Amino acid sequence: MTPDTGEPTFGIDELCALSGVARRTVRFYTQKGLLDPPEGAKRGAHYTRRHLEQLLLIRKWQQAGVSLERIGRLLRGEVADLPPPTEPGTVEVWSRITLRPGLEVHLEPGRLGLDPEQVRALIARLERAAGEDSEGAAP
């Protein structure tokens, strides 16, 4: 617990266990500026609930196929909420993916900031989710 706020604190091993992220990854994220540095120094270093929330958010976005570069921009608030409206005559290439009859996904990878591998990973996760959902559907 921090003396001033009474907020729980964690050592790096406890933070790793709670977040499911390896110790080396925590240090990498800190080095890249994705995760705030620990409070204190050396053996006295500790992490707070804020660090845990950051790690869980980073992990969630990574599992969704978002690149670390884009995650950094999201964490810094550098990504606009909505893309600018398109002007008449603007040409865009959209991908239309049919996951199952009656379920399609339309996406424009450029607007999302996704490279082709990230798009494939996203589609694979959506296909798995659609398959799991259809297994529980009534006939």
C-alpha atoms as a PDB file:
ATOM      1  CA  MET A   1       0.000   0.000   0.000  1.00  0.00           C
ATOM      2  CA  THR A   2       1.200   3.490  -0.748  1.00  0.00           C
ATOM      3  CA  PRO A   3       1.397   5.497   2.473  1.00  0.00           C
ATOM      4  CA  ASP A   4      -0.216   8.634   1.029  1.00  0.00           C
ATOM      5  CA  THR A   5      -3.214   7.080  -0.782  1.00  0.00           C
ATOM      6  CA  GLY A   6      -3.567   3.617   0.713  1.00  0.00           C
ATOM      7  CA  GLU A   7      -3.676   2.267  -2.850  1.00  0.00           C
ATOM      8  CA  PRO A   8      -2.396  -1.301  -3.249  1.00  0.00           C
ATOM      9  CA  THR A   9       1.017  -1.686  -4.845  1.00  0.00           C
ATOM     10  CA  PHE A  10       2.581  -4.647  -6.582  1.00  0.00           C
ATOM     11  CA  GLY A  11       6.065  -5.939  -7.134  1.00  0.00           C
ATOM     12  CA  ILE A  12       6.927  -6.854 -10.708  1.00  0.00           C
ATOM     13  CA  ASP A  13       6.257 -10.565 -10.139  1.00  0.00           C
ATOM     14  CA  GLU A  14       2.812  -9.875  -8.706  1.00  0.00           C
ATOM     15  CA  LEU A  15       2.032  -7.439 -11.547  1.00  0.00           C
ATOM     16  CA  CYS A  16       3.040 -10.106 -14.072  1.00  0.00           C
ATOM     17  CA  ALA A  17       0.863 -12.732 -12.397  1.00  0.00           C
ATOM     18  CA  LEU A  18      -2.159 -10.409 -12.304  1.00  0.00           C
ATOM     19  CA  SER A  19      -1.797  -9.251 -15.905  1.00  0.00           C
ATOM     20  CA  GLY A  20      -0.578 -12.448 -17.547  1.00  0.00           C
ATOM     21  CA  VAL A  21       2.349 -10.536 -19.045  1.00  0.00           C
ATOM     22  CA  ALA A  22       5.954 -11.738 -18.753  1.00  0.00           C
ATOM     23  CA  ARG A  23       8.479  -9.777 -16.703  1.00  0.00           C
ATOM     24  CA  ARG A  24      10.585  -9.142 -19.793  1.00  0.00           C
ATOM     25  CA  THR A  25       7.523  -7.794 -21.620  1.00  0.00           C
ATOM     26  CA  VAL A  26       6.747  -5.374 -18.771  1.00  0.00           C
ATOM     27  CA  ARG A  27      10.273  -3.985 -19.042  1.00  0.00           C
ATOM     28  CA  PHE A  28      10.003  -3.798 -22.847  1.00  0.00           C
ATOM     29  CA  TYR A  29       6.702  -1.881 -22.648  1.00  0.00           C
ATOM     30  CA  THR A  30       8.245   0.518 -20.127  1.00  0.00           C
ATOM     31  CA  GLN A  31      11.281   1.037 -22.353  1.00  0.00           C
ATOM     32  CA  LYS A  32       9.010   1.736 -25.359  1.00  0.00           C
ATOM     33  CA  GLY A  33       6.931   4.224 -23.354  1.00  0.00           C
ATOM     34  CA  LEU A  34       3.759   2.123 -23.482  1.00  0.00           C
ATOM     35  CA  LEU A  35       3.773   1.496 -19.726  1.00  0.00           C
ATOM     36  CA  ASP A  36       4.547   4.153 -17.121  1.00  0.00           C
ATOM     37  CA  PRO A  37       7.814   3.539 -15.260  1.00  0.00           C
ATOM     38  CA  PRO A  38       7.450   1.967 -11.815  1.00  0.00           C
ATOM     39  CA  GLU A  39       7.278   4.192  -8.790  1.00  0.00           C
ATOM     40  CA  GLY A  40      10.436   4.118  -6.718  1.00  0.00           C
ATOM     41  CA  ALA A  41      13.806   2.825  -7.850  1.00  0.00           C
ATOM     42  CA  LYS A  42      15.651  -0.477  -8.056  1.00  0.00           C
ATOM     43  CA  ARG A  43      14.518  -2.884  -5.313  1.00  0.00           C
ATOM     44  CA  GLY A  44      12.054  -0.305  -3.994  1.00  0.00           C
ATOM     45  CA  ALA A  45      10.268  -0.070  -7.342  1.00  0.00           C
ATOM     46  CA  HIS A  46       6.579  -0.873  -7.252  1.00  0.00           C
ATOM     47  CA  TYR A  47       3.578  -0.759  -9.525  1.00  0.00           C
ATOM     48  CA  THR A  48       0.059   0.526  -8.895  1.00  0.00           C
ATOM     49  CA  ARG A  49      -3.416  -0.299 -10.112  1.00  0.00           C
ATOM     50  CA  ARG A  50      -2.806   2.223 -12.928  1.00  0.00           C
ATOM     51  CA  HIS A  51       0.089   0.094 -14.220  1.00  0.00           C
ATOM     52  CA  LEU A  52      -2.096  -3.017 -14.106  1.00  0.00           C
ATOM     53  CA  GLU A  53      -4.867  -1.243 -16.043  1.00  0.00           C
ATOM     54  CA  GLN A  54      -2.347  -0.068 -18.658  1.00  0.00           C
ATOM     55  CA  LEU A  55      -1.009  -3.604 -19.102  1.00  0.00           C
ATOM     56  CA  LEU A  56      -4.477  -5.111 -19.450  1.00  0.00           C
ATOM     57  CA  LEU A  57      -5.429  -2.476 -22.029  1.00  0.00           C
ATOM     58  CA  ILE A  58      -2.220  -3.029 -24.023  1.00  0.00           C
ATOM     59  CA  ARG A  59      -2.833  -6.777 -23.938  1.00  0.00           C
ATOM     60  CA  LYS A  60      -6.449  -6.383 -25.065  1.00  0.00           C
ATOM     61  CA  TRP A  61      -5.460  -4.180 -28.006  1.00  0.00           C
ATOM     62  CA  GLN A  62      -2.624  -6.504 -28.994  1.00  0.00           C
ATOM     63  CA  GLN A  63      -4.988  -9.480 -28.994  1.00  0.00           C
ATOM     64  CA  ALA A  64      -7.270  -7.445 -31.261  1.00  0.00           C
ATOM     65  CA  GLY A  65      -4.394  -7.127 -33.745  1.00  0.00           C
ATOM     66  CA  VAL A  66      -3.427  -3.520 -33.014  1.00  0.00           C
ATOM     67  CA  SER A  67       0.273  -2.778 -33.556  1.00  0.00           C
ATOM     68  CA  LEU A  68       2.439  -1.570 -30.667  1.00  0.00           C
ATOM     69  CA  GLU A  69       3.035   1.671 -32.555  1.00  0.00           C
ATOM     70  CA  ARG A  70      -0.698   2.311 -32.818  1.00  0.00           C
ATOM     71  CA  ILE A  71      -1.220   1.271 -29.180  1.00  0.00           C
ATOM     72  CA  GLY A  72       1.330   3.910 -28.192  1.00  0.00           C
ATOM     73  CA  ARG A  73      -0.564   6.538 -30.176  1.00  0.00           C
ATOM     74  CA  LEU A  74      -3.850   5.439 -28.613  1.00  0.00           C
ATOM     75  CA  LEU A  75      -2.387   5.636 -25.104  1.00  0.00           C
ATOM     76  CA  ARG A  76      -1.016   9.115 -25.796  1.00  0.00           C
ATOM     77  CA  GLY A  77      -4.370  10.229 -27.217  1.00  0.00           C
ATOM     78  CA  GLU A  78      -2.873  10.965 -30.639  1.00  0.00           C
ATOM     79  CA  VAL A  79      -5.518   9.084 -32.617  1.00  0.00           C
ATOM     80  CA  ALA A  80      -8.570  11.023 -33.731  1.00  0.00           C
ATOM     81  CA  ASP A  81     -11.917   9.615 -32.649  1.00  0.00           C
ATOM     82  CA  LEU A  82     -13.466   9.774 -36.103  1.00  0.00           C
ATOM     83  CA  PRO A  83     -11.826   9.780 -39.502  1.00  0.00           C
ATOM     84  CA  PRO A  84     -12.439  12.930 -41.543  1.00  0.00           C
ATOM     85  CA  PRO A  85     -15.428  12.711 -43.882  1.00  0.00           C
ATOM     86  CA  THR A  86     -14.624  11.725 -47.432  1.00  0.00           C
ATOM     87  CA  GLU A  87     -15.107  14.211 -50.221  1.00  0.00           C
ATOM     88  CA  PRO A  88     -17.277  13.447 -53.257  1.00  0.00           C
ATOM     89  CA  GLY A  89     -15.200  11.654 -55.871  1.00  0.00           C
ATOM     90  CA  THR A  90     -12.836  10.131 -53.295  1.00  0.00           C
ATOM     91  CA  VAL A  91     -11.869   6.567 -54.119  1.00  0.00           C
ATOM     92  CA  GLU A  92     -11.501   4.122 -51.240  1.00  0.00           C
ATOM     93  CA  VAL A  93     -10.884   0.402 -51.203  1.00  0.00           C
ATOM     94  CA  TRP A  94     -12.950  -1.461 -48.639  1.00  0.00           C
ATOM     95  CA  SER A  95     -12.703  -5.121 -47.747  1.00  0.00           C
ATOM     96  CA  ARG A  96     -15.925  -7.091 -47.384  1.00  0.00           C
ATOM     97  CA  ILE A  97     -15.546 -10.308 -45.439  1.00  0.00           C
ATOM     98  CA  THR A  98     -18.386 -12.806 -45.131  1.00  0.00           C
ATOM     99  CA  LEU A  99     -18.040 -14.621 -41.826  1.00  0.00           C
ATOM    100  CA  ARG A 100     -21.154 -16.737 -42.311  1.00  0.00           C
ATOM    101  CA  PRO A 101     -24.474 -16.269 -44.127  1.00  0.00           C
ATOM    102  CA  GLY A 102     -25.988 -13.019 -42.934  1.00  0.00           C
ATOM    103  CA  LEU A 103     -22.833 -11.814 -41.170  1.00  0.00           C
ATOM    104  CA  GLU A 104     -20.349  -9.575 -42.962  1.00  0.00           C
ATOM    105  CA  VAL A 105     -17.598  -7.236 -41.892  1.00  0.00           C
ATOM    106  CA  HIS A 106     -16.697  -4.177 -43.931  1.00  0.00           C
ATOM    107  CA  LEU A 107     -13.390  -2.515 -43.183  1.00  0.00           C
ATOM    108  CA  GLU A 108     -10.925  -0.103 -44.684  1.00  0.00           C
ATOM    109  CA  PRO A 109      -7.483  -1.134 -43.390  1.00  0.00           C
ATOM    110  CA  GLY A 110      -5.902   2.252 -44.136  1.00  0.00           C
ATOM    111  CA  ARG A 111      -8.314   4.084 -41.865  1.00  0.00           C
ATOM    112  CA  LEU A 112      -7.770   1.509 -39.156  1.00  0.00           C
ATOM    113  CA  GLY A 113      -3.996   1.699 -39.455  1.00  0.00           C
ATOM    114  CA  LEU A 114      -3.738  -2.065 -39.951  1.00  0.00           C
ATOM    115  CA  ASP A 115      -1.212  -3.852 -42.121  1.00  0.00           C
ATOM    116  CA  PRO A 116      -2.249  -6.990 -44.079  1.00  0.00           C
ATOM    117  CA  GLU A 117      -1.053  -9.375 -41.361  1.00  0.00           C
ATOM    118  CA  GLN A 118      -3.049  -7.514 -38.716  1.00  0.00           C
ATOM    119  CA  VAL A 119      -6.134  -7.638 -40.968  1.00  0.00           C
ATOM    120  CA  ARG A 120      -5.709 -11.416 -41.346  1.00  0.00           C
ATOM    121  CA  ALA A 121      -5.344 -11.809 -37.569  1.00  0.00           C
ATOM    122  CA  LEU A 122      -8.451  -9.698 -36.968  1.00  0.00           C
ATOM    123  CA  ILE A 123     -10.464 -11.714 -39.486  1.00  0.00           C
ATOM    124  CA  ALA A 124      -9.299 -14.997 -37.923  1.00  0.00           C
ATOM    125  CA  ARG A 125     -10.474 -13.823 -34.497  1.00  0.00           C
ATOM    126  CA  LEU A 126     -13.806 -12.660 -35.926  1.00  0.00           C
ATOM    127  CA  GLU A 127     -14.270 -16.005 -37.701  1.00  0.00           C
ATOM    128  CA  ARG A 128     -13.578 -17.869 -34.452  1.00  0.00           C
ATOM    129  CA  ALA A 129     -16.027 -15.644 -32.577  1.00  0.00           C
ATOM    130  CA  ALA A 130     -18.682 -16.098 -35.286  1.00  0.00           C
ATOM    131  CA  GLY A 131     -18.154 -19.866 -35.186  1.00  0.00           C
ATOM    132  CA  GLU A 132     -18.455 -19.960 -31.398  1.00  0.00           C
ATOM    133  CA  ASP A 133     -21.596 -17.836 -31.569  1.00  0.00           C
ATOM    134  CA  SER A 134     -23.204 -20.077 -34.199  1.00  0.00           C
ATOM    135  CA  GLU A 135     -22.530 -23.197 -32.101  1.00  0.00           C
ATOM    136  CA  GLY A 136     -24.723 -21.793 -29.346  1.00  0.00           C
ATOM    137  CA  ALA A 137     -27.491 -20.653 -31.728  1.00  0.00           C
ATOM    138  CA  ALA A 138     -30.841 -22.387 -31.687  1.00  0.00           C
ATOM    139  CA  PRO A 139     -31.633 -24.498 -34.815  1.00  0.00           C
END
